Amino acid sequence: MATAASNSGRILVVDDQAANLRVVGVLLSRQGYEVIAASSGAEALQRYAETPPDLILLDMMMPGMDGFDVLAALREQGAPRVPVVFVTAAHDRDLLLRAFDAGVVDYVTKPFLPEELLARVAAHVGLKLTRDRLERVAREREELVNLVAHDLKNPLSSVLFASELLHSGLCKPERVPRYLQMIHESADDALGYIRHYLESQTGHRPHGANSDCAGLRETLDWLLQRYEMQLEARGIRVALATPPDGAMVAIDARVLRQVSENLVTNAMKYAPGCELLLAGRAGAPGYWQLVVADRGPGIAPERQRELFRPFVRLHDHGDPDDLSSGLGLSLAKQIIAKAGGELWYEPRKHGGSRFVIELPQAAASADC
C-alpha cells in the first residue's frame, strides 16, 4: 500500500454504512486528505452546503435519497462543478451508464482495493485542484487587464486633450509649454502605471522604492495642476481646501493619485459648469480624508446601492465618445480597501455628489 503522502484536498464521503465510512475515512486521512463524512443523502447535502469539497465519494445505493437523488439535488441547487465518484456494489452496465449520464466522473466497485481507490481519488482531486488554479489565474489576469485598461484611460485622455488643442492651432502661444508639459507628464504616468503593474506581478520592487506613504496636500496640488486646463474647458471652478502640512496617509502616492483622479474625471464628465471641491481633512482618529465634491445632478437614491459594483455606470447618457466602462469606482474601492481604508459616497445638501477617501495615517517612521 502507498505510504502516507502530503496530499491536499477535501473529500466528502457519503455512505449509509458506518463501517464503510470509517474504513474509507481512515484510508484517506492517512494520505493527507481532509475527510467529511455523511451517512445519508440529506446529510451529504447539508455537509456540502457547509463546506464545499473537492471530490465526492458517493454511495450509489442508499435508503431514502440514493446517489442519483443527491446528484439531482446538487444540480437543482446550482452547485459548482465538483467531481463525483460513485462507490457501488452494482455491476449492471445500464445502471453505470446512467451514472455517467448523470454527471459521475468515475466509479469504484465494492469491495474495493485500497490502492485502486486512492489512485482514482488522487487523479480526480488533482484534476479538480489544477482546474481551480487555472480558473483563479484566468480571473486574476482578467482583473489585471481591466485595471490596466481603465487606469491608462485617464493619462491617455489628457494626452489626447492637449495634443488636439495643439493640433488645432487655436491655443494661445503662452499655453503651448503647459500643454506640452501635460503630454509629457501624462505619458510618464501611463508608463509608471504599467511599470507598477509589472512589478506587482513579478514581486520586484526597485531598491529604495517606497509604497506606503503619500501626502494629501501634494496629491491635491497634483490634481489641480494636472486637470486645470480640462476643468477650465468644462467651465468647472475649483475650490481647494488643503490639509495641514504633514497630513500623510499609508498608501503609494501614485496609487492615491490614480484613485482620486478617477473621482475628478467623473466630476468633469457629470458636473460641467459647476464648482468642484477638492479637500483634505482629518477623519476618524488616526485617519485622513481626501474629498472630491461637486454640484452636479448627484446620484439617484435607487442607483446609490449599485455605485461600487463592477460595470455599473453612473448615468445612462449614451455618449458615443464616452470611454467609461463602469469599472472606475469598483476598482477604486478595492484599491482603497486593500490599503486599509474606505471609499464612500454621500449626497450633498442642496444637490451634488461627495466622494470621500479615508486612509490610515502613515507611520511616523515612514520615509516620505
Protein backbone atom coordinates (compact mmCIF):
# COMPACT_ATOMS: atom_id res chain seq x y z
CA MET A 1 0.00 0.00 0.00
CA ALA A 2 1.13 3.54 -0.70
CA THR A 3 2.75 5.34 2.19
CA ALA A 4 1.22 8.49 3.64
CA ALA A 5 1.70 11.50 1.40
CA SER A 6 1.21 15.21 1.82
CA ASN A 7 -1.95 15.32 -0.31
CA SER A 8 -4.30 18.25 -0.17
CA GLY A 9 -7.96 18.32 -0.93
CA ARG A 10 -11.26 17.96 0.85
CA ILE A 11 -13.32 14.81 0.23
CA LEU A 12 -16.97 14.28 1.12
CA VAL A 13 -17.57 10.56 1.75
CA VAL A 14 -21.23 9.51 1.67
CA ASP A 15 -22.29 6.01 2.74
CA ASP A 16 -25.13 4.68 4.87
CA GLN A 17 -22.85 2.00 6.37
CA ALA A 18 -20.86 3.29 9.35
CA ALA A 19 -18.16 0.64 8.83
CA ASN A 20 -17.58 1.80 5.26
CA LEU A 21 -17.38 5.44 6.36
CA ARG A 22 -14.82 4.54 8.99
CA VAL A 23 -12.62 2.45 6.68
CA VAL A 24 -12.63 4.96 3.81
CA GLY A 25 -12.19 7.89 6.19
CA VAL A 26 -9.11 6.38 7.85
CA LEU A 27 -7.62 5.39 4.48
CA LEU A 28 -7.97 8.89 3.03
CA SER A 29 -6.93 10.70 6.22
CA ARG A 30 -3.68 8.74 6.32
CA GLN A 31 -2.94 10.06 2.83
CA GLY A 32 -3.33 13.65 4.00
CA TYR A 33 -6.84 14.37 2.74
CA GLU A 34 -9.42 16.23 4.78
CA VAL A 35 -12.43 13.92 5.10
CA ILE A 36 -16.04 14.96 5.67
CA ALA A 37 -18.40 12.06 6.42
CA ALA A 38 -22.14 11.84 5.75
CA SER A 39 -24.34 8.82 6.43
CA SER A 40 -27.28 9.82 4.24
CA GLY A 41 -28.13 11.83 1.15
CA ALA A 42 -29.77 14.59 3.20
CA GLU A 43 -26.72 14.87 5.46
CA ALA A 44 -24.47 14.95 2.38
CA LEU A 45 -26.33 17.97 1.02
CA GLN A 46 -26.03 19.70 4.38
CA ARG A 47 -22.27 18.99 4.63
CA TYR A 48 -21.79 20.17 1.05
CA ALA A 49 -23.54 23.46 1.81
CA GLU A 50 -21.39 23.98 4.91
CA THR A 51 -18.04 23.16 3.29
CA PRO A 52 -17.88 22.50 -0.46
CA PRO A 53 -15.47 19.59 -1.13
CA ASP A 54 -13.01 18.94 -3.94
CA LEU A 55 -14.38 15.43 -4.53
CA ILE A 56 -17.44 13.42 -3.51
CA LEU A 57 -17.22 9.67 -2.93
CA LEU A 58 -20.90 8.82 -3.14
CA ASP A 59 -22.59 5.50 -2.40
CA MET A 60 -24.89 4.74 -5.32
CA MET A 61 -27.50 2.72 -3.45
CA MET A 62 -28.73 4.17 -0.15
CA PRO A 63 -32.14 4.15 1.57
CA GLY A 64 -34.13 7.34 1.17
CA MET A 65 -32.03 9.55 -1.13
CA ASP A 66 -29.78 7.39 -3.27
CA GLY A 67 -26.74 8.65 -5.17
CA PHE A 68 -28.80 9.74 -8.18
CA ASP A 69 -31.12 11.77 -5.95
CA VAL A 70 -28.14 13.51 -4.35
CA LEU A 71 -26.71 14.41 -7.76
CA ALA A 72 -30.09 15.78 -8.90
CA ALA A 73 -30.42 17.86 -5.71
CA LEU A 74 -26.92 19.33 -6.16
CA ARG A 75 -27.78 20.34 -9.73
CA GLU A 76 -31.02 21.98 -8.59
CA GLN A 77 -29.06 23.99 -6.01
CA GLY A 78 -26.72 25.25 -8.73
CA ALA A 79 -23.72 23.62 -7.03
CA PRO A 80 -20.38 24.32 -8.75
CA ARG A 81 -18.65 21.54 -10.64
CA VAL A 82 -17.25 19.02 -8.17
CA PRO A 83 -16.18 15.58 -9.41
CA VAL A 84 -18.33 12.74 -8.11
CA VAL A 85 -17.11 9.14 -7.93
CA PHE A 86 -19.77 6.50 -7.30
CA VAL A 87 -18.92 3.70 -4.89
CA THR A 88 -21.20 0.79 -5.71
CA ALA A 89 -21.63 -2.96 -5.46
CA ALA A 90 -23.68 -2.92 -8.66
CA HIS A 91 -22.19 -4.25 -11.89
CA ASP A 92 -25.23 -3.54 -14.04
CA ARG A 93 -24.00 -1.92 -17.28
CA ASP A 94 -27.16 0.15 -17.81
CA LEU A 95 -27.00 1.46 -14.25
CA LEU A 96 -23.39 2.53 -14.69
CA LEU A 97 -24.19 4.24 -18.00
CA ARG A 98 -27.00 6.08 -16.23
CA ALA A 99 -24.48 7.21 -13.62
CA PHE A 100 -22.18 8.71 -16.25
CA ASP A 101 -25.16 10.41 -17.90
CA ALA A 102 -25.98 11.93 -14.51
CA GLY A 103 -22.52 13.52 -14.31
CA VAL A 104 -20.44 10.98 -12.41
CA VAL A 105 -16.78 11.09 -13.48
CA ASP A 106 -15.79 7.61 -12.29
CA TYR A 107 -16.86 4.66 -10.17
CA VAL A 108 -15.31 2.15 -7.76
CA THR A 109 -16.90 -1.22 -7.13
CA LYS A 110 -17.29 -2.81 -3.72
CA PRO A 111 -15.34 -4.46 -2.29
CA PHE A 112 -12.63 -2.11 -3.50
CA LEU A 113 -8.86 -2.38 -3.43
CA PRO A 114 -7.36 0.45 -1.32
CA GLU A 115 -4.69 1.11 -3.97
CA GLU A 116 -7.35 1.48 -6.66
CA LEU A 117 -9.49 3.83 -4.59
CA LEU A 118 -6.50 6.03 -3.69
CA ALA A 119 -5.32 6.17 -7.30
CA ARG A 120 -8.73 7.26 -8.56
CA VAL A 121 -9.13 9.81 -5.77
CA ALA A 122 -5.66 11.26 -6.39
CA ALA A 123 -6.33 11.59 -10.12
CA HIS A 124 -9.67 13.36 -9.78
CA VAL A 125 -8.66 15.60 -6.87
CA GLY A 126 -5.51 16.57 -8.76
CA LEU A 127 -7.53 17.49 -11.84
CA LYS A 128 -10.02 19.49 -9.74
CA LEU A 129 -7.31 21.47 -7.91
CA THR A 130 -5.45 22.13 -11.18
CA ARG A 131 -8.64 23.41 -12.79
CA ASP A 132 -9.28 25.67 -9.77
CA ARG A 133 -5.77 27.11 -10.04
CA LEU A 134 -6.15 27.76 -13.76
CA GLU A 135 -9.51 29.46 -13.24
CA ARG A 136 -8.04 31.61 -10.47
CA VAL A 137 -5.12 32.64 -12.68
CA ALA A 138 -7.52 33.45 -15.52
CA ARG A 139 -9.63 35.63 -13.19
CA GLU A 140 -6.55 37.44 -11.89
CA ARG A 141 -5.31 38.08 -15.42
CA GLU A 142 -8.70 39.39 -16.46
CA GLU A 143 -8.82 41.69 -13.43
CA LEU A 144 -5.32 42.96 -14.24
CA VAL A 145 -6.25 43.66 -17.87
CA ASN A 146 -9.35 45.56 -16.73
CA LEU A 147 -7.32 47.53 -14.21
CA VAL A 148 -4.56 48.48 -16.65
CA ALA A 149 -7.01 49.39 -19.42
CA HIS A 150 -9.07 51.54 -17.09
CA ASP A 151 -6.19 53.35 -15.44
CA LEU A 152 -4.43 54.09 -18.72
CA LYS A 153 -7.59 55.83 -19.89
CA ASN A 154 -7.08 58.96 -17.74
CA PRO A 155 -3.48 59.81 -18.71
CA LEU A 156 -4.14 58.98 -22.36
CA SER A 157 -7.24 61.18 -22.32
CA SER A 158 -5.06 64.03 -21.04
CA VAL A 159 -2.56 63.40 -23.83
CA LEU A 160 -5.37 63.45 -26.39
CA PHE A 161 -6.89 66.63 -24.92
CA ALA A 162 -3.62 68.56 -25.02
CA SER A 163 -2.50 67.24 -28.41
CA GLU A 164 -5.84 68.10 -30.04
CA LEU A 165 -5.61 71.67 -28.77
CA LEU A 166 -2.06 72.00 -30.08
CA HIS A 167 -3.03 70.46 -33.40
CA SER A 168 -6.00 72.81 -33.78
CA GLY A 169 -3.69 75.85 -33.76
CA LEU A 170 -6.24 77.71 -31.62
CA CYS A 171 -4.45 77.61 -28.27
CA LYS A 172 -2.74 80.72 -27.01
CA PRO A 173 1.04 80.73 -27.57
CA GLU A 174 1.76 81.23 -23.85
CA ARG A 175 -0.10 77.99 -23.10
CA VAL A 176 1.83 75.81 -25.52
CA PRO A 177 4.57 74.93 -22.96
CA ARG A 178 1.90 73.92 -20.44
CA TYR A 179 0.17 71.62 -22.92
CA LEU A 180 3.49 70.06 -23.89
CA GLN A 181 4.23 69.51 -20.21
CA MET A 182 0.79 67.87 -19.79
CA ILE A 183 1.53 65.47 -22.63
CA HIS A 184 4.93 64.55 -21.19
CA GLU A 185 3.66 64.08 -17.63
CA SER A 186 0.61 62.08 -18.71
CA ALA A 187 2.73 59.76 -20.85
CA ASP A 188 5.13 59.36 -17.93
CA ASP A 189 2.20 58.47 -15.64
CA ALA A 190 0.93 55.89 -18.12
CA LEU A 191 4.36 54.23 -18.23
CA GLY A 192 4.51 54.44 -14.44
CA TYR A 193 1.20 52.57 -14.13
CA ILE A 194 2.41 49.85 -16.47
CA ARG A 195 5.68 49.58 -14.53
CA HIS A 196 3.75 49.36 -11.25
CA TYR A 197 1.53 46.53 -12.55
CA LEU A 198 4.51 44.59 -13.91
CA GLU A 199 6.30 44.95 -10.57
CA SER A 200 3.20 43.80 -8.70
CA GLN A 201 3.03 40.68 -10.88
CA THR A 202 6.70 39.76 -10.54
CA GLY A 203 7.04 40.82 -6.91
CA HIS A 204 10.01 43.00 -7.86
CA ARG A 205 10.36 46.49 -6.40
CA PRO A 206 13.23 48.80 -7.26
CA HIS A 207 15.70 49.43 -4.46
CA GLY A 208 14.57 52.33 -2.30
CA ALA A 209 11.02 52.39 -3.70
CA ASN A 210 8.51 53.48 -1.09
CA SER A 211 4.96 52.18 -1.38
CA ASP A 212 3.20 53.21 1.80
CA CYS A 213 3.30 56.98 2.12
CA ALA A 214 1.52 59.82 0.30
CA GLY A 215 0.94 63.46 1.17
CA LEU A 216 -2.62 64.75 0.91
CA ARG A 217 -1.52 68.31 0.14
CA GLU A 218 0.82 67.09 -2.62
CA THR A 219 -1.95 64.91 -4.08
CA LEU A 220 -4.43 67.78 -4.19
CA ASP A 221 -1.84 70.08 -5.76
CA TRP A 222 -1.11 67.42 -8.38
CA LEU A 223 -4.82 67.02 -9.21
CA LEU A 224 -5.29 70.75 -9.60
CA GLN A 225 -2.17 71.15 -11.75
CA ARG A 226 -2.86 68.11 -13.95
CA TYR A 227 -6.53 68.85 -14.64
CA GLU A 228 -6.50 72.65 -14.52
CA MET A 229 -6.89 73.07 -18.28
CA GLN A 230 -9.53 70.36 -18.68
CA LEU A 231 -11.55 71.71 -15.76
CA GLU A 232 -11.37 75.19 -17.24
CA ALA A 233 -12.51 73.88 -20.63
CA ARG A 234 -15.60 72.43 -18.97
CA GLY A 235 -16.37 75.59 -17.04
CA ILE A 236 -15.65 73.98 -13.68
CA ARG A 237 -14.44 76.24 -10.87
CA VAL A 238 -12.24 74.62 -8.23
CA ALA A 239 -12.42 75.31 -4.52
CA LEU A 240 -9.31 73.95 -2.77
CA ALA A 241 -9.24 73.18 0.95
CA THR A 242 -5.75 71.94 1.75
CA PRO A 243 -4.97 69.96 4.89
CA PRO A 244 -2.21 70.95 7.30
CA ASP A 245 1.39 70.14 6.46
CA GLY A 246 2.32 66.63 7.48
CA ALA A 247 -1.03 65.05 6.54
CA MET A 248 0.42 61.78 5.27
CA VAL A 249 -1.51 58.59 4.53
CA ALA A 250 -0.38 54.98 4.25
CA ILE A 251 -0.67 54.32 0.52
CA ASP A 252 1.59 54.62 -2.51
CA ALA A 253 1.47 58.21 -3.80
CA ARG A 254 0.96 57.14 -7.42
CA VAL A 255 -1.91 54.86 -6.41
CA LEU A 256 -3.63 57.65 -4.45
CA ARG A 257 -3.35 59.98 -7.45
CA GLN A 258 -4.69 57.21 -9.66
CA VAL A 259 -7.78 56.69 -7.47
CA SER A 260 -8.52 60.36 -6.83
CA GLU A 261 -8.21 61.35 -10.48
CA ASN A 262 -10.97 58.85 -11.27
CA LEU A 263 -13.21 60.88 -8.97
CA VAL A 264 -12.14 64.15 -10.59
CA THR A 265 -12.71 62.89 -14.14
CA ASN A 266 -16.17 61.64 -13.11
CA ALA A 267 -16.96 65.15 -11.84
CA MET A 268 -15.74 66.65 -15.12
CA LYS A 269 -17.98 64.27 -17.03
CA TYR A 270 -21.16 64.57 -14.99
CA ALA A 271 -20.97 68.07 -13.45
CA PRO A 272 -19.69 70.51 -16.09
CA GLY A 273 -20.13 74.19 -15.31
CA CYS A 274 -20.30 73.52 -11.56
CA GLU A 275 -17.98 74.12 -8.65
CA LEU A 276 -15.64 71.29 -7.69
CA LEU A 277 -14.36 70.98 -4.15
CA LEU A 278 -11.01 69.27 -3.54
CA ALA A 279 -10.32 68.94 0.16
CA GLY A 280 -8.07 67.21 2.66
CA ARG A 281 -9.26 66.91 6.24
CA ALA A 282 -8.98 64.87 9.41
CA GLY A 283 -11.15 61.76 9.51
CA ALA A 284 -11.64 59.23 12.29
CA PRO A 285 -8.84 59.15 14.88
CA GLY A 286 -5.68 58.04 13.10
CA TYR A 287 -7.15 58.67 9.63
CA TRP A 288 -7.11 61.41 6.98
CA GLN A 289 -9.71 62.05 4.29
CA LEU A 290 -9.45 63.24 0.70
CA VAL A 291 -12.77 64.67 -0.54
CA VAL A 292 -13.96 65.27 -4.10
CA ALA A 293 -17.36 67.01 -4.19
CA ASP A 294 -19.34 68.63 -6.99
CA ARG A 295 -22.64 70.44 -7.52
CA GLY A 296 -23.84 68.26 -10.36
CA PRO A 297 -27.05 66.21 -10.52
CA GLY A 298 -25.86 63.75 -7.88
CA ILE A 299 -26.71 60.05 -7.85
CA ALA A 300 -30.35 58.98 -7.73
CA PRO A 301 -31.16 57.18 -4.45
CA GLU A 302 -32.11 53.98 -6.29
CA ARG A 303 -28.69 53.91 -8.01
CA GLN A 304 -26.56 54.60 -4.95
CA ARG A 305 -26.59 50.97 -3.86
CA GLU A 306 -25.12 49.97 -7.25
CA LEU A 307 -22.40 52.65 -7.32
CA PHE A 308 -19.43 50.48 -6.46
CA ARG A 309 -20.45 47.40 -8.41
CA PRO A 310 -18.33 46.47 -11.45
CA PHE A 311 -19.55 47.66 -14.86
CA VAL A 312 -22.22 49.97 -13.41
CA ARG A 313 -22.23 53.43 -14.97
CA LEU A 314 -23.36 56.48 -13.03
CA HIS A 315 -25.60 57.85 -15.75
CA ASP A 316 -27.05 56.36 -18.92
CA HIS A 317 -26.36 59.25 -21.25
CA GLY A 318 -25.26 57.19 -24.26
CA ASP A 319 -22.40 59.50 -25.28
CA PRO A 320 -20.55 57.65 -28.12
CA ASP A 321 -17.27 59.36 -27.14
CA ASP A 322 -17.53 58.25 -23.52
CA LEU A 323 -14.94 55.56 -22.74
CA SER A 324 -16.41 54.72 -19.34
CA SER A 325 -16.60 51.01 -18.59
CA GLY A 326 -18.24 51.34 -15.18
CA LEU A 327 -15.14 49.88 -13.53
CA GLY A 328 -13.62 53.03 -12.01
CA LEU A 329 -15.46 53.24 -8.71
CA SER A 330 -15.42 49.47 -8.19
CA LEU A 331 -11.64 49.31 -8.72
CA ALA A 332 -11.06 52.43 -6.62
CA LYS A 333 -12.99 50.95 -3.70
CA GLN A 334 -11.00 47.70 -3.91
CA ILE A 335 -7.67 49.57 -4.03
CA ILE A 336 -8.53 51.75 -1.03
CA ALA A 337 -9.80 48.74 0.94
CA LYS A 338 -6.51 46.89 0.31
CA ALA A 339 -4.69 49.90 1.80
CA GLY A 340 -6.80 49.62 4.98
CA GLY A 341 -9.13 52.49 4.11
CA GLU A 342 -12.64 53.18 2.84
CA LEU A 343 -14.25 54.94 -0.10
CA TRP A 344 -17.86 56.03 0.09
CA TYR A 345 -20.44 58.32 -1.47
CA GLU A 346 -22.56 60.98 0.22
CA PRO A 347 -25.29 63.13 -1.36
CA ARG A 348 -24.66 66.84 -0.74
CA LYS A 349 -27.19 69.14 0.79
CA HIS A 350 -28.67 71.39 -1.94
CA GLY A 351 -27.56 68.88 -4.60
CA GLY A 352 -24.38 67.28 -5.80
CA SER A 353 -22.08 64.36 -5.03
CA ARG A 354 -19.40 63.93 -2.40
CA PHE A 355 -16.89 61.07 -2.57
CA VAL A 356 -14.71 60.51 0.48
CA ILE A 357 -11.47 58.53 0.58
CA GLU A 358 -10.42 57.77 4.15
CA LEU A 359 -7.00 56.24 4.74
CA PRO A 360 -4.90 55.47 7.82
CA GLN A 361 -2.26 57.98 8.75
CA ALA A 362 1.22 56.97 7.67
CA ALA A 363 3.51 55.75 10.41
CA ALA A 364 5.77 58.42 11.83
CA SER A 365 8.81 56.37 10.79
CA ALA A 366 7.73 56.22 7.15
CA ASP A 367 10.18 57.84 4.76
CA CYS A 368 8.00 60.01 2.52
